[in-house]
Amino acid sequence: MIDFLDPTDLTTRARLQEEIKAHERELDKIAQYAAKKNIYDKINTAERNGRLEDALQIARKGSSQFPELQGLASKFKAIVKINIARQGAKGGVV
């Protein structure tokens, strides 16, 4: 679209280029949101199905891309350790 503008109309050209950059930033934000949502969905599915170790691994991998998932990874790490301790206590091994 910029190629159709008068080459001497630098103001309009600059404004359009900035608008294009703003739209590209918005698209990046949307892609990041979709990726984060996908990770949360996988974690929730694993948790609902009782696959806490899988939820932990997904949260750990996701936290490398999204640091805010680190807290969730820590939560699942604690839950997995508690479950292991409970299983050990039931089996007579602590």
N, C-alpha and C. Protein backbone atom coordinates (compact mmCIF):
# COMPACT_ATOMS: atom_id res chain seq x y z
N MET A 1 0.82 -1.18 0.00
CA MET A 1 0.00 0.00 0.00
C MET A 1 0.87 1.25 0.00
N ILE A 2 1.98 1.18 0.68
CA ILE A 2 2.89 2.33 0.74
C ILE A 2 3.43 2.67 -0.64
N ASP A 3 3.60 1.68 -1.48
CA ASP A 3 4.15 1.91 -2.82
C ASP A 3 3.22 2.76 -3.70
N PHE A 4 1.95 2.81 -3.36
CA PHE A 4 1.00 3.58 -4.14
C PHE A 4 0.97 5.06 -3.75
N LEU A 5 1.65 5.41 -2.69
CA LEU A 5 1.67 6.80 -2.25
C LEU A 5 2.66 7.61 -3.07
N ASP A 6 2.41 8.88 -3.07
CA ASP A 6 3.34 9.82 -3.72
C ASP A 6 4.66 9.77 -2.95
N PRO A 7 5.77 9.51 -3.61
CA PRO A 7 7.06 9.40 -2.93
C PRO A 7 7.42 10.65 -2.14
N THR A 8 6.86 11.77 -2.49
CA THR A 8 7.18 13.01 -1.77
C THR A 8 6.33 13.19 -0.52
N ASP A 9 5.31 12.37 -0.35
CA ASP A 9 4.43 12.48 0.82
C ASP A 9 5.01 11.67 1.98
N LEU A 10 6.08 12.18 2.55
CA LEU A 10 6.81 11.46 3.59
C LEU A 10 6.01 11.35 4.90
N THR A 11 5.18 12.33 5.18
CA THR A 11 4.40 12.30 6.42
C THR A 11 3.40 11.14 6.40
N THR A 12 2.68 11.01 5.31
CA THR A 12 1.71 9.93 5.20
C THR A 12 2.41 8.59 5.18
N ARG A 13 3.50 8.51 4.49
CA ARG A 13 4.28 7.28 4.42
C ARG A 13 4.76 6.86 5.81
N ALA A 14 5.29 7.80 6.57
CA ALA A 14 5.78 7.50 7.92
C ALA A 14 4.63 7.08 8.83
N ARG A 15 3.48 7.76 8.72
CA ARG A 15 2.33 7.43 9.54
C ARG A 15 1.85 6.00 9.24
N LEU A 16 1.79 5.64 7.97
CA LEU A 16 1.36 4.30 7.59
C LEU A 16 2.35 3.23 8.07
N GLN A 17 3.63 3.53 7.98
CA GLN A 17 4.63 2.58 8.45
C GLN A 17 4.50 2.36 9.95
N GLU A 18 4.25 3.43 10.70
CA GLU A 18 4.07 3.29 12.14
C GLU A 18 2.80 2.51 12.46
N GLU A 19 1.75 2.74 11.68
CA GLU A 19 0.51 1.99 11.88
C GLU A 19 0.71 0.51 11.59
N ILE A 20 1.48 0.21 10.58
CA ILE A 20 1.79 -1.19 10.25
C ILE A 20 2.57 -1.83 11.40
N LYS A 21 3.54 -1.12 11.94
CA LYS A 21 4.32 -1.64 13.06
C LYS A 21 3.43 -1.88 14.28
N ALA A 22 2.49 -0.98 14.53
CA ALA A 22 1.58 -1.14 15.66
C ALA A 22 0.72 -2.38 15.47
N HIS A 23 0.24 -2.61 14.26
CA HIS A 23 -0.56 -3.81 13.99
C HIS A 23 0.28 -5.07 14.14
N GLU A 24 1.52 -5.03 13.71
CA GLU A 24 2.40 -6.19 13.87
C GLU A 24 2.64 -6.50 15.34
N ARG A 25 2.79 -5.45 16.17
CA ARG A 25 2.97 -5.65 17.62
C ARG A 25 1.72 -6.29 18.22
N GLU A 26 0.56 -5.85 17.78
CA GLU A 26 -0.70 -6.43 18.27
C GLU A 26 -0.81 -7.90 17.87
N LEU A 27 -0.42 -8.21 16.65
CA LEU A 27 -0.44 -9.61 16.20
C LEU A 27 0.51 -10.47 17.03
N ASP A 28 1.66 -9.92 17.38
CA ASP A 28 2.61 -10.64 18.24
C ASP A 28 2.00 -10.90 19.62
N LYS A 29 1.32 -9.89 20.16
CA LYS A 29 0.68 -10.05 21.47
C LYS A 29 -0.39 -11.15 21.41
N ILE A 30 -1.15 -11.15 20.35
CA ILE A 30 -2.20 -12.16 20.18
C ILE A 30 -1.58 -13.55 20.09
N ALA A 31 -0.48 -13.67 19.34
CA ALA A 31 0.19 -14.97 19.21
C ALA A 31 0.74 -15.43 20.56
N GLN A 32 1.30 -14.51 21.34
CA GLN A 32 1.82 -14.86 22.66
C GLN A 32 0.69 -15.31 23.57
N TYR A 33 -0.42 -14.59 23.52
CA TYR A 33 -1.58 -14.96 24.34
C TYR A 33 -2.09 -16.35 23.96
N ALA A 34 -2.16 -16.63 22.67
CA ALA A 34 -2.64 -17.94 22.21
C ALA A 34 -1.69 -19.05 22.67
N ALA A 35 -0.40 -18.80 22.59
CA ALA A 35 0.58 -19.81 23.03
C ALA A 35 0.45 -20.06 24.53
N LYS A 36 0.30 -18.99 25.30
CA LYS A 36 0.16 -19.13 26.75
C LYS A 36 -1.13 -19.87 27.10
N LYS A 37 -2.21 -19.54 26.41
CA LYS A 37 -3.49 -20.21 26.65
C LYS A 37 -3.38 -21.70 26.34
N ASN A 38 -2.68 -22.03 25.27
CA ASN A 38 -2.48 -23.43 24.90
C ASN A 38 -1.76 -24.19 26.02
N ILE A 39 -0.74 -23.56 26.59
CA ILE A 39 0.01 -24.19 27.69
C ILE A 39 -0.90 -24.38 28.90
N TYR A 40 -1.66 -23.34 29.26
CA TYR A 40 -2.58 -23.46 30.40
C TYR A 40 -3.60 -24.56 30.15
N ASP A 41 -4.12 -24.65 28.93
CA ASP A 41 -5.09 -25.70 28.61
C ASP A 41 -4.48 -27.09 28.78
N LYS A 42 -3.25 -27.26 28.32
CA LYS A 42 -2.58 -28.56 28.47
C LYS A 42 -2.36 -28.91 29.94
N ILE A 43 -1.97 -27.91 30.72
CA ILE A 43 -1.76 -28.13 32.16
C ILE A 43 -3.07 -28.53 32.82
N ASN A 44 -4.13 -27.80 32.52
CA ASN A 44 -5.44 -28.09 33.11
C ASN A 44 -5.94 -29.48 32.74
N THR A 45 -5.75 -29.86 31.48
CA THR A 45 -6.17 -31.19 31.04
C THR A 45 -5.40 -32.28 31.79
N ALA A 46 -4.09 -32.10 31.89
CA ALA A 46 -3.28 -33.08 32.60
C ALA A 46 -3.70 -33.17 34.07
N GLU A 47 -3.95 -32.02 34.68
CA GLU A 47 -4.36 -32.02 36.10
C GLU A 47 -5.71 -32.71 36.28
N ARG A 48 -6.66 -32.40 35.41
CA ARG A 48 -7.98 -33.02 35.50
C ARG A 48 -7.92 -34.53 35.33
N ASN A 49 -6.99 -35.00 34.53
CA ASN A 49 -6.86 -36.44 34.28
C ASN A 49 -5.94 -37.12 35.28
N GLY A 50 -5.51 -36.37 36.30
CA GLY A 50 -4.68 -36.97 37.34
C GLY A 50 -3.24 -37.19 36.93
N ARG A 51 -2.81 -36.58 35.86
CA ARG A 51 -1.42 -36.73 35.38
C ARG A 51 -0.60 -35.53 35.88
N LEU A 52 -0.37 -35.51 37.19
CA LEU A 52 0.30 -34.37 37.80
C LEU A 52 1.75 -34.21 37.35
N GLU A 53 2.42 -35.34 37.10
CA GLU A 53 3.80 -35.25 36.61
C GLU A 53 3.84 -34.59 35.23
N ASP A 54 2.86 -34.93 34.40
CA ASP A 54 2.78 -34.30 33.08
C ASP A 54 2.50 -32.82 33.22
N ALA A 55 1.59 -32.45 34.12
CA ALA A 55 1.27 -31.04 34.35
C ALA A 55 2.52 -30.29 34.80
N LEU A 56 3.31 -30.94 35.66
CA LEU A 56 4.55 -30.34 36.13
C LEU A 56 5.52 -30.10 34.97
N GLN A 57 5.69 -31.10 34.12
CA GLN A 57 6.61 -30.97 32.99
C GLN A 57 6.16 -29.89 32.01
N ILE A 58 4.86 -29.84 31.76
CA ILE A 58 4.33 -28.81 30.85
C ILE A 58 4.55 -27.42 31.45
N ALA A 59 4.30 -27.28 32.75
CA ALA A 59 4.50 -26.00 33.41
C ALA A 59 5.98 -25.59 33.40
N ARG A 60 6.86 -26.56 33.61
CA ARG A 60 8.30 -26.25 33.58
C ARG A 60 8.73 -25.78 32.19
N LYS A 61 8.30 -26.51 31.17
CA LYS A 61 8.65 -26.11 29.80
C LYS A 61 8.06 -24.74 29.47
N GLY A 62 6.82 -24.54 29.86
CA GLY A 62 6.16 -23.27 29.59
C GLY A 62 6.80 -22.10 30.31
N SER A 63 7.35 -22.36 31.50
CA SER A 63 7.95 -21.27 32.26
C SER A 63 9.24 -20.74 31.62
N SER A 64 9.83 -21.53 30.74
CA SER A 64 11.01 -21.02 30.03
C SER A 64 10.60 -19.95 29.02
N GLN A 65 9.39 -20.07 28.50
CA GLN A 65 8.87 -19.08 27.55
C GLN A 65 8.10 -17.98 28.27
N PHE A 66 7.39 -18.35 29.32
CA PHE A 66 6.57 -17.41 30.08
C PHE A 66 6.94 -17.53 31.56
N PRO A 67 7.79 -16.65 32.06
CA PRO A 67 8.26 -16.75 33.45
C PRO A 67 7.14 -16.76 34.49
N GLU A 68 5.98 -16.20 34.16
CA GLU A 68 4.88 -16.18 35.12
C GLU A 68 4.34 -17.59 35.41
N LEU A 69 4.72 -18.57 34.62
CA LEU A 69 4.30 -19.96 34.86
C LEU A 69 5.19 -20.64 35.91
N GLN A 70 6.24 -19.98 36.34
CA GLN A 70 7.15 -20.58 37.32
C GLN A 70 6.42 -20.92 38.61
N GLY A 71 5.52 -20.06 39.04
CA GLY A 71 4.75 -20.33 40.26
C GLY A 71 3.89 -21.57 40.11
N LEU A 72 3.31 -21.75 38.94
CA LEU A 72 2.49 -22.92 38.67
C LEU A 72 3.35 -24.19 38.67
N ALA A 73 4.54 -24.08 38.11
CA ALA A 73 5.47 -25.22 38.10
C ALA A 73 5.84 -25.59 39.54
N SER A 74 6.08 -24.59 40.37
CA SER A 74 6.42 -24.86 41.77
C SER A 74 5.25 -25.53 42.49
N LYS A 75 4.04 -25.09 42.20
CA LYS A 75 2.85 -25.69 42.81
C LYS A 75 2.76 -27.18 42.47
N PHE A 76 2.93 -27.50 41.19
CA PHE A 76 2.82 -28.91 40.79
C PHE A 76 3.99 -29.73 41.32
N LYS A 77 5.15 -29.13 41.44
CA LYS A 77 6.30 -29.83 42.01
C LYS A 77 5.98 -30.23 43.46
N ALA A 78 5.39 -29.31 44.20
CA ALA A 78 5.03 -29.61 45.59
C ALA A 78 3.96 -30.69 45.66
N ILE A 79 2.95 -30.60 44.80
CA ILE A 79 1.87 -31.59 44.79
C ILE A 79 2.42 -32.98 44.45
N VAL A 80 3.30 -33.04 43.47
CA VAL A 80 3.90 -34.34 43.09
C VAL A 80 4.69 -34.92 44.26
N LYS A 81 5.46 -34.08 44.94
CA LYS A 81 6.24 -34.57 46.09
C LYS A 81 5.33 -35.05 47.21
N ILE A 82 4.23 -34.33 47.45
CA ILE A 82 3.28 -34.76 48.48
C ILE A 82 2.67 -36.11 48.12
N ASN A 83 2.30 -36.27 46.86
CA ASN A 83 1.71 -37.54 46.42
C ASN A 83 2.70 -38.68 46.55
N ILE A 84 3.95 -38.43 46.22
CA ILE A 84 4.98 -39.47 46.37
C ILE A 84 5.14 -39.84 47.83
N ALA A 85 5.14 -38.83 48.71
CA ALA A 85 5.27 -39.12 50.14
C ALA A 85 4.07 -39.90 50.66
N ARG A 86 2.88 -39.55 50.19
CA ARG A 86 1.68 -40.29 50.62
C ARG A 86 1.73 -41.74 50.16
N GLN A 87 2.15 -41.93 48.93
CA GLN A 87 2.23 -43.30 48.41
C GLN A 87 3.25 -44.10 49.18
N GLY A 88 4.35 -43.47 49.53
CA GLY A 88 5.38 -44.15 50.32
C GLY A 88 4.88 -44.49 51.70
N ALA A 89 4.08 -43.60 52.30
CA ALA A 89 3.55 -43.84 53.64
C ALA A 89 2.53 -44.97 53.60
N LYS A 90 1.75 -45.06 52.54
CA LYS A 90 0.76 -46.14 52.43
C LYS A 90 1.45 -47.49 52.26
N GLY A 91 2.58 -47.46 51.58
CA GLY A 91 3.30 -48.70 51.35
C GLY A 91 4.20 -49.10 52.50
N GLY A 92 4.25 -48.27 53.53
CA GLY A 92 5.07 -48.57 54.69
C GLY A 92 6.50 -48.08 54.54
N VAL A 93 6.79 -47.37 53.46
CA VAL A 93 8.15 -46.85 53.24
C VAL A 93 8.08 -45.33 53.30
N VAL A 94 8.93 -44.76 54.15
CA VAL A 94 8.95 -43.30 54.26
C VAL A 94 10.34 -42.79 54.07
